[in-house]
Amino acid sequence: MRITRIESFGRDELFAALRRVTLYERPFSLPYARADLTLLEACSPDDLAPTQRYVQRSELAKIAHLAAALGEHDVDLYALQGFVRFWTPGGPDEGMDLLPPVVECSREPAGPCVKLINDGMHRVYSARAARRPITVVYVAGVPDETPYYAYPNAGGWENVEELEEISEQFAKKHYRLEPHRSLYRDFNTAFRNATGFRARAVEA
């Protein structure tokens, strides 16, 4: 892939935008508005808990191509200090935003805070496979009524499968409730094309 233009935004701009993120189709529910936001640099992927039970090989390939393209602009995909907005041939006119993976402190029953991977699972998986650290946004103090919509993967990283395709019967996550979308963090309410952008505009 080729990036034709890129803009960088700092930590303060990243945090300010995250505080504007709403829940899916719930524009007045802002789970991060009063949360504690921290940029954890050089974080070990093994310290983070996946909720997803799979990664797709096609997405991992796209991550590798994106990392290489960003590297040509001196941007390290695994060490973002804020967020970047970039443009590609054929991509959205308004550009696409890439922020560090988002990790939430989740108070699970009878246990300490678990660092759940909310967004950026494929990047964290890629970093772990390469045995390299990654910078993430750590969110603590999310209101009890708006927890992350899935539980930690019971088997941890050992229970994450690499798949070519996902069947309809495959259990992607262990959801807290249905409809689980009611607790989904819609990053596109505060960022440009930040959710699901790879399928549309980043080709392997």
C-alpha atoms as a PDB file:
ATOM      1  CA  MET A   1       0.000   0.000   0.000  1.00  0.00           C
ATOM      2  CA  ARG A   2       1.011   3.628  -0.410  1.00  0.00           C
ATOM      3  CA  ILE A   3       0.322   6.546   1.895  1.00  0.00           C
ATOM      4  CA  THR A   4       0.122   9.837   0.035  1.00  0.00           C
ATOM      5  CA  ARG A   5      -0.275  12.162   3.003  1.00  0.00           C
ATOM      6  CA  ILE A   6      -0.078  11.948   6.768  1.00  0.00           C
ATOM      7  CA  GLU A   7      -0.841  14.228   9.722  1.00  0.00           C
ATOM      8  CA  SER A   8       0.177  13.608  13.321  1.00  0.00           C
ATOM      9  CA  PHE A   9      -1.756  14.505  16.479  1.00  0.00           C
ATOM     10  CA  GLY A  10      -0.352  14.477  19.997  1.00  0.00           C
ATOM     11  CA  ARG A  11      -1.340  12.816  23.228  1.00  0.00           C
ATOM     12  CA  ASP A  12      -3.603  15.655  24.375  1.00  0.00           C
ATOM     13  CA  GLU A  13      -5.541  15.586  21.104  1.00  0.00           C
ATOM     14  CA  LEU A  14      -5.817  11.800  21.320  1.00  0.00           C
ATOM     15  CA  PHE A  15      -7.217  11.904  24.861  1.00  0.00           C
ATOM     16  CA  ALA A  16      -9.597  14.763  24.058  1.00  0.00           C
ATOM     17  CA  ALA A  17     -11.028  12.789  21.140  1.00  0.00           C
ATOM     18  CA  LEU A  18     -11.351   9.602  23.200  1.00  0.00           C
ATOM     19  CA  ARG A  19     -13.445  11.468  25.759  1.00  0.00           C
ATOM     20  CA  ARG A  20     -15.922  12.222  22.961  1.00  0.00           C
ATOM     21  CA  VAL A  21     -16.345   8.563  21.946  1.00  0.00           C
ATOM     22  CA  THR A  22     -19.911   7.349  22.469  1.00  0.00           C
ATOM     23  CA  LEU A  23     -21.529   3.963  22.682  1.00  0.00           C
ATOM     24  CA  TYR A  24     -23.056   2.510  19.539  1.00  0.00           C
ATOM     25  CA  GLU A  25     -26.281   4.377  18.695  1.00  0.00           C
ATOM     26  CA  ARG A  26     -26.216   5.968  22.178  1.00  0.00           C
ATOM     27  CA  PRO A  27     -24.925   9.490  21.466  1.00  0.00           C
ATOM     28  CA  PHE A  28     -25.322  10.700  25.042  1.00  0.00           C
ATOM     29  CA  SER A  29     -23.379   7.847  26.649  1.00  0.00           C
ATOM     30  CA  LEU A  30     -19.657   8.658  26.773  1.00  0.00           C
ATOM     31  CA  PRO A  31     -17.815   5.854  28.625  1.00  0.00           C
ATOM     32  CA  TYR A  32     -14.449   7.644  28.593  1.00  0.00           C
ATOM     33  CA  ALA A  33     -15.621  11.172  29.431  1.00  0.00           C
ATOM     34  CA  ARG A  34     -14.371  11.034  33.038  1.00  0.00           C
ATOM     35  CA  ALA A  35     -12.101   8.005  32.837  1.00  0.00           C
ATOM     36  CA  ASP A  36      -8.385   8.037  33.592  1.00  0.00           C
ATOM     37  CA  LEU A  37      -6.454   7.856  30.313  1.00  0.00           C
ATOM     38  CA  THR A  38      -2.788   6.888  30.194  1.00  0.00           C
ATOM     39  CA  LEU A  39      -0.397   6.139  27.357  1.00  0.00           C
ATOM     40  CA  LEU A  40       1.480   2.972  28.326  1.00  0.00           C
ATOM     41  CA  GLU A  41       4.695   2.849  26.334  1.00  0.00           C
ATOM     42  CA  ALA A  42       6.644  -0.332  25.595  1.00  0.00           C
ATOM     43  CA  CYS A  43       3.872  -2.503  27.026  1.00  0.00           C
ATOM     44  CA  SER A  44       4.324  -6.271  26.850  1.00  0.00           C
ATOM     45  CA  PRO A  45       1.472  -7.899  24.889  1.00  0.00           C
ATOM     46  CA  ASP A  46       1.559 -10.749  27.408  1.00  0.00           C
ATOM     47  CA  ASP A  47       0.293  -8.307  30.051  1.00  0.00           C
ATOM     48  CA  LEU A  48      -2.844  -7.657  27.987  1.00  0.00           C
ATOM     49  CA  ALA A  49      -5.928  -9.875  27.920  1.00  0.00           C
ATOM     50  CA  PRO A  50      -7.612 -10.704  24.609  1.00  0.00           C
ATOM     51  CA  THR A  51     -11.373 -11.005  24.452  1.00  0.00           C
ATOM     52  CA  GLN A  52     -11.366 -12.088  20.831  1.00  0.00           C
ATOM     53  CA  ARG A  53     -10.882 -15.798  20.155  1.00  0.00           C
ATOM     54  CA  TYR A  54      -9.426 -15.343  16.689  1.00  0.00           C
ATOM     55  CA  VAL A  55      -7.349 -13.238  14.347  1.00  0.00           C
ATOM     56  CA  GLN A  56      -7.666 -13.292  10.571  1.00  0.00           C
ATOM     57  CA  ARG A  57      -4.535 -13.912   8.521  1.00  0.00           C
ATOM     58  CA  SER A  58      -5.688 -11.415   5.899  1.00  0.00           C
ATOM     59  CA  GLU A  59      -5.882  -8.700   8.567  1.00  0.00           C
ATOM     60  CA  LEU A  60      -2.427  -9.593   9.888  1.00  0.00           C
ATOM     61  CA  ALA A  61      -1.064  -9.176   6.353  1.00  0.00           C
ATOM     62  CA  LYS A  62      -2.708  -5.767   6.083  1.00  0.00           C
ATOM     63  CA  ILE A  63      -1.190  -4.732   9.391  1.00  0.00           C
ATOM     64  CA  ALA A  64       2.259  -5.674   8.087  1.00  0.00           C
ATOM     65  CA  HIS A  65       1.756  -3.619   4.923  1.00  0.00           C
ATOM     66  CA  LEU A  66       0.390  -0.683   6.923  1.00  0.00           C
ATOM     67  CA  ALA A  67       3.372  -0.797   9.283  1.00  0.00           C
ATOM     68  CA  ALA A  68       5.762  -0.703   6.320  1.00  0.00           C
ATOM     69  CA  ALA A  69       3.903   2.184   4.664  1.00  0.00           C
ATOM     70  CA  LEU A  70       3.853   4.205   7.889  1.00  0.00           C
ATOM     71  CA  GLY A  71       7.536   3.476   8.381  1.00  0.00           C
ATOM     72  CA  GLU A  72       8.275   5.307   5.142  1.00  0.00           C
ATOM     73  CA  HIS A  73       6.894   8.397   6.899  1.00  0.00           C
ATOM     74  CA  ASP A  74       8.914   7.717  10.078  1.00  0.00           C
ATOM     75  CA  VAL A  75       5.830   6.568  11.980  1.00  0.00           C
ATOM     76  CA  ASP A  76       6.127   3.429  14.116  1.00  0.00           C
ATOM     77  CA  LEU A  77       2.805   1.583  14.128  1.00  0.00           C
ATOM     78  CA  TYR A  78       3.720  -0.016  17.460  1.00  0.00           C
ATOM     79  CA  ALA A  79       4.838   3.165  19.231  1.00  0.00           C
ATOM     80  CA  LEU A  80       2.262   5.845  18.451  1.00  0.00           C
ATOM     81  CA  GLN A  81       2.548   8.866  20.751  1.00  0.00           C
ATOM     82  CA  GLY A  82      -0.859  10.174  19.744  1.00  0.00           C
ATOM     83  CA  PHE A  83      -2.787   9.337  16.599  1.00  0.00           C
ATOM     84  CA  VAL A  84      -2.139   9.768  12.900  1.00  0.00           C
ATOM     85  CA  ARG A  85      -4.448  10.644  10.041  1.00  0.00           C
ATOM     86  CA  PHE A  86      -3.416   9.268   6.681  1.00  0.00           C
ATOM     87  CA  TRP A  87      -4.600   9.153   3.093  1.00  0.00           C
ATOM     88  CA  THR A  88      -4.210   6.419   0.481  1.00  0.00           C
ATOM     89  CA  PRO A  89      -5.054   6.289  -3.229  1.00  0.00           C
ATOM     90  CA  GLY A  90      -8.729   5.403  -3.456  1.00  0.00           C
ATOM     91  CA  GLY A  91      -9.267   5.876   0.274  1.00  0.00           C
ATOM     92  CA  PRO A  92     -11.760   8.246   1.927  1.00  0.00           C
ATOM     93  CA  ASP A  93     -11.306  11.906   1.015  1.00  0.00           C
ATOM     94  CA  GLU A  94     -11.319  12.852   4.700  1.00  0.00           C
ATOM     95  CA  GLY A  95      -8.546  10.380   5.526  1.00  0.00           C
ATOM     96  CA  MET A  96      -8.347   7.616   8.116  1.00  0.00           C
ATOM     97  CA  ASP A  97      -7.312   7.857  11.756  1.00  0.00           C
ATOM     98  CA  LEU A  98      -5.073   5.330  13.457  1.00  0.00           C
ATOM     99  CA  LEU A  99      -4.781   5.450  17.236  1.00  0.00           C
ATOM    100  CA  PRO A 100      -2.897   3.122  19.571  1.00  0.00           C
ATOM    101  CA  PRO A 101      -4.710  -0.027  20.684  1.00  0.00           C
ATOM    102  CA  VAL A 102      -7.186   0.768  23.452  1.00  0.00           C
ATOM    103  CA  VAL A 103      -7.010  -1.321  26.620  1.00  0.00           C
ATOM    104  CA  GLU A 104      -9.546  -1.083  29.453  1.00  0.00           C
ATOM    105  CA  CYS A 105      -9.230  -1.917  33.124  1.00  0.00           C
ATOM    106  CA  SER A 106     -12.023  -4.423  33.686  1.00  0.00           C
ATOM    107  CA  ARG A 107     -12.936  -5.431  37.232  1.00  0.00           C
ATOM    108  CA  GLU A 108     -13.888  -9.064  36.808  1.00  0.00           C
ATOM    109  CA  PRO A 109     -15.507 -10.984  39.707  1.00  0.00           C
ATOM    110  CA  ALA A 110     -13.170 -12.198  42.453  1.00  0.00           C
ATOM    111  CA  GLY A 111     -10.064 -10.843  40.807  1.00  0.00           C
ATOM    112  CA  PRO A 112      -7.878  -7.808  40.160  1.00  0.00           C
ATOM    113  CA  CYS A 113      -8.157  -5.395  37.264  1.00  0.00           C
ATOM    114  CA  VAL A 114      -7.776  -7.180  33.930  1.00  0.00           C
ATOM    115  CA  LYS A 115      -6.294  -5.205  31.037  1.00  0.00           C
ATOM    116  CA  LEU A 116      -8.793  -6.062  28.305  1.00  0.00           C
ATOM    117  CA  ILE A 117      -7.935  -5.344  24.683  1.00  0.00           C
ATOM    118  CA  ASN A 118     -10.833  -3.258  23.408  1.00  0.00           C
ATOM    119  CA  ASP A 119      -9.511  -2.091  20.035  1.00  0.00           C
ATOM    120  CA  GLY A 120      -6.395  -3.083  18.082  1.00  0.00           C
ATOM    121  CA  MET A 121      -6.374  -6.844  18.645  1.00  0.00           C
ATOM    122  CA  HIS A 122      -4.553  -7.635  15.390  1.00  0.00           C
ATOM    123  CA  ARG A 123      -1.797  -5.121  16.130  1.00  0.00           C
ATOM    124  CA  VAL A 124      -1.271  -6.472  19.641  1.00  0.00           C
ATOM    125  CA  TYR A 125      -1.222 -10.027  18.268  1.00  0.00           C
ATOM    126  CA  SER A 126       1.332  -8.979  15.626  1.00  0.00           C
ATOM    127  CA  ALA A 127       3.525  -7.343  18.260  1.00  0.00           C
ATOM    128  CA  ARG A 128       3.360 -10.455  20.421  1.00  0.00           C
ATOM    129  CA  ALA A 129       4.273 -12.685  17.473  1.00  0.00           C
ATOM    130  CA  ALA A 130       7.271 -10.448  16.765  1.00  0.00           C
ATOM    131  CA  ARG A 131       8.214 -10.418  20.474  1.00  0.00           C
ATOM    132  CA  ARG A 132       8.184  -6.659  20.589  1.00  0.00           C
ATOM    133  CA  PRO A 133       6.482  -4.187  22.941  1.00  0.00           C
ATOM    134  CA  ILE A 134       3.620  -1.948  21.908  1.00  0.00           C
ATOM    135  CA  THR A 135       2.268   1.405  23.069  1.00  0.00           C
ATOM    136  CA  VAL A 136      -1.392   1.339  24.127  1.00  0.00           C
ATOM    137  CA  VAL A 137      -3.975   3.679  25.602  1.00  0.00           C
ATOM    138  CA  TYR A 138      -4.927   2.410  29.055  1.00  0.00           C
ATOM    139  CA  VAL A 139      -8.386   3.369  30.287  1.00  0.00           C
ATOM    140  CA  ALA A 140      -9.347   3.059  33.969  1.00  0.00           C
ATOM    141  CA  GLY A 141     -12.454   4.225  35.776  1.00  0.00           C
ATOM    142  CA  VAL A 142     -15.055   3.410  33.134  1.00  0.00           C
ATOM    143  CA  PRO A 143     -18.533   3.646  34.726  1.00  0.00           C
ATOM    144  CA  ASP A 144     -19.818   0.347  36.125  1.00  0.00           C
ATOM    145  CA  GLU A 145     -22.920   0.573  33.948  1.00  0.00           C
ATOM    146  CA  THR A 146     -20.867   0.651  30.734  1.00  0.00           C
ATOM    147  CA  PRO A 147     -18.319  -2.175  31.002  1.00  0.00           C
ATOM    148  CA  TYR A 148     -16.614  -3.559  27.916  1.00  0.00           C
ATOM    149  CA  TYR A 149     -19.092  -5.741  26.094  1.00  0.00           C
ATOM    150  CA  ALA A 150     -17.128  -9.020  26.286  1.00  0.00           C
ATOM    151  CA  TYR A 151     -15.361 -11.051  28.963  1.00  0.00           C
ATOM    152  CA  PRO A 152     -11.664 -11.960  28.852  1.00  0.00           C
ATOM    153  CA  ASN A 153     -10.810 -14.973  26.731  1.00  0.00           C
ATOM    154  CA  ALA A 154     -10.725 -17.778  29.297  1.00  0.00           C
ATOM    155  CA  GLY A 155      -7.700 -19.400  27.669  1.00  0.00           C
ATOM    156  CA  GLY A 156      -5.783 -16.180  27.148  1.00  0.00           C
ATOM    157  CA  TRP A 157      -3.470 -15.951  24.162  1.00  0.00           C
ATOM    158  CA  GLU A 158      -3.249 -19.725  23.899  1.00  0.00           C
ATOM    159  CA  ASN A 159      -6.942 -19.771  22.994  1.00  0.00           C
ATOM    160  CA  VAL A 160      -6.610 -17.303  20.091  1.00  0.00           C
ATOM    161  CA  GLU A 161      -6.791 -18.975  16.678  1.00  0.00           C
ATOM    162  CA  GLU A 162      -5.373 -17.735  13.373  1.00  0.00           C
ATOM    163  CA  LEU A 163      -8.095 -18.197  10.769  1.00  0.00           C
ATOM    164  CA  GLU A 164      -8.474 -17.672   7.034  1.00  0.00           C
ATOM    165  CA  GLU A 165     -12.228 -17.208   7.326  1.00  0.00           C
ATOM    166  CA  ILE A 166     -14.727 -17.047  10.176  1.00  0.00           C
ATOM    167  CA  SER A 167     -17.739 -19.328  10.040  1.00  0.00           C
ATOM    168  CA  GLU A 168     -21.125 -18.176  11.299  1.00  0.00           C
ATOM    169  CA  GLN A 169     -20.949 -20.809  14.031  1.00  0.00           C
ATOM    170  CA  PHE A 170     -17.592 -19.650  15.382  1.00  0.00           C
ATOM    171  CA  ALA A 171     -17.858 -18.039  18.842  1.00  0.00           C
ATOM    172  CA  LYS A 172     -15.900 -14.797  18.392  1.00  0.00           C
ATOM    173  CA  LYS A 173     -16.189 -13.614  21.991  1.00  0.00           C
ATOM    174  CA  HIS A 174     -17.970 -14.371  25.254  1.00  0.00           C
ATOM    175  CA  TYR A 175     -20.432 -11.485  25.406  1.00  0.00           C
ATOM    176  CA  ARG A 176     -21.630  -9.973  28.669  1.00  0.00           C
ATOM    177  CA  LEU A 177     -25.157  -9.407  27.404  1.00  0.00           C
ATOM    178  CA  GLU A 178     -27.307  -9.266  24.291  1.00  0.00           C
ATOM    179  CA  PRO A 179     -27.573  -7.173  22.314  1.00  0.00           C
ATOM    180  CA  HIS A 180     -23.878  -6.682  22.998  1.00  0.00           C
ATOM    181  CA  ARG A 181     -23.733  -3.732  20.587  1.00  0.00           C
ATOM    182  CA  SER A 182     -25.360  -1.608  23.293  1.00  0.00           C
ATOM    183  CA  LEU A 183     -21.946  -1.487  25.027  1.00  0.00           C
ATOM    184  CA  TYR A 184     -19.843  -1.217  21.854  1.00  0.00           C
ATOM    185  CA  ARG A 185     -17.457   1.762  21.824  1.00  0.00           C
ATOM    186  CA  ASP A 186     -17.990   3.528  18.494  1.00  0.00           C
ATOM    187  CA  PHE A 187     -14.634   5.182  17.824  1.00  0.00           C
ATOM    188  CA  ASN A 188     -15.945   6.642  14.582  1.00  0.00           C
ATOM    189  CA  THR A 189     -17.977   9.113  16.646  1.00  0.00           C
ATOM    190  CA  ALA A 190     -14.738  10.941  17.496  1.00  0.00           C
ATOM    191  CA  PHE A 191     -12.250   9.802  14.850  1.00  0.00           C
ATOM    192  CA  ARG A 192     -12.288   9.575  11.060  1.00  0.00           C
ATOM    193  CA  ASN A 193     -12.834   6.064   9.698  1.00  0.00           C
ATOM    194  CA  ALA A 194     -11.054   4.536  12.682  1.00  0.00           C
ATOM    195  CA  THR A 195     -13.264   1.458  12.946  1.00  0.00           C
ATOM    196  CA  GLY A 196     -13.093  -1.128  10.210  1.00  0.00           C
ATOM    197  CA  PHE A 197     -11.024   1.064   7.894  1.00  0.00           C
ATOM    198  CA  ARG A 198      -8.708  -1.722   6.760  1.00  0.00           C
ATOM    199  CA  ALA A 199     -11.383  -3.653   4.929  1.00  0.00           C
ATOM    200  CA  ARG A 200     -12.226  -0.628   2.819  1.00  0.00           C
ATOM    201  CA  ALA A 201      -8.998   1.137   2.100  1.00  0.00           C
ATOM    202  CA  VAL A 202      -5.900  -0.752   3.212  1.00  0.00           C
ATOM    203  CA  GLU A 203      -5.025  -3.466   0.757  1.00  0.00           C
ATOM    204  CA  ALA A 204      -2.571  -6.246   1.449  1.00  0.00           C
END
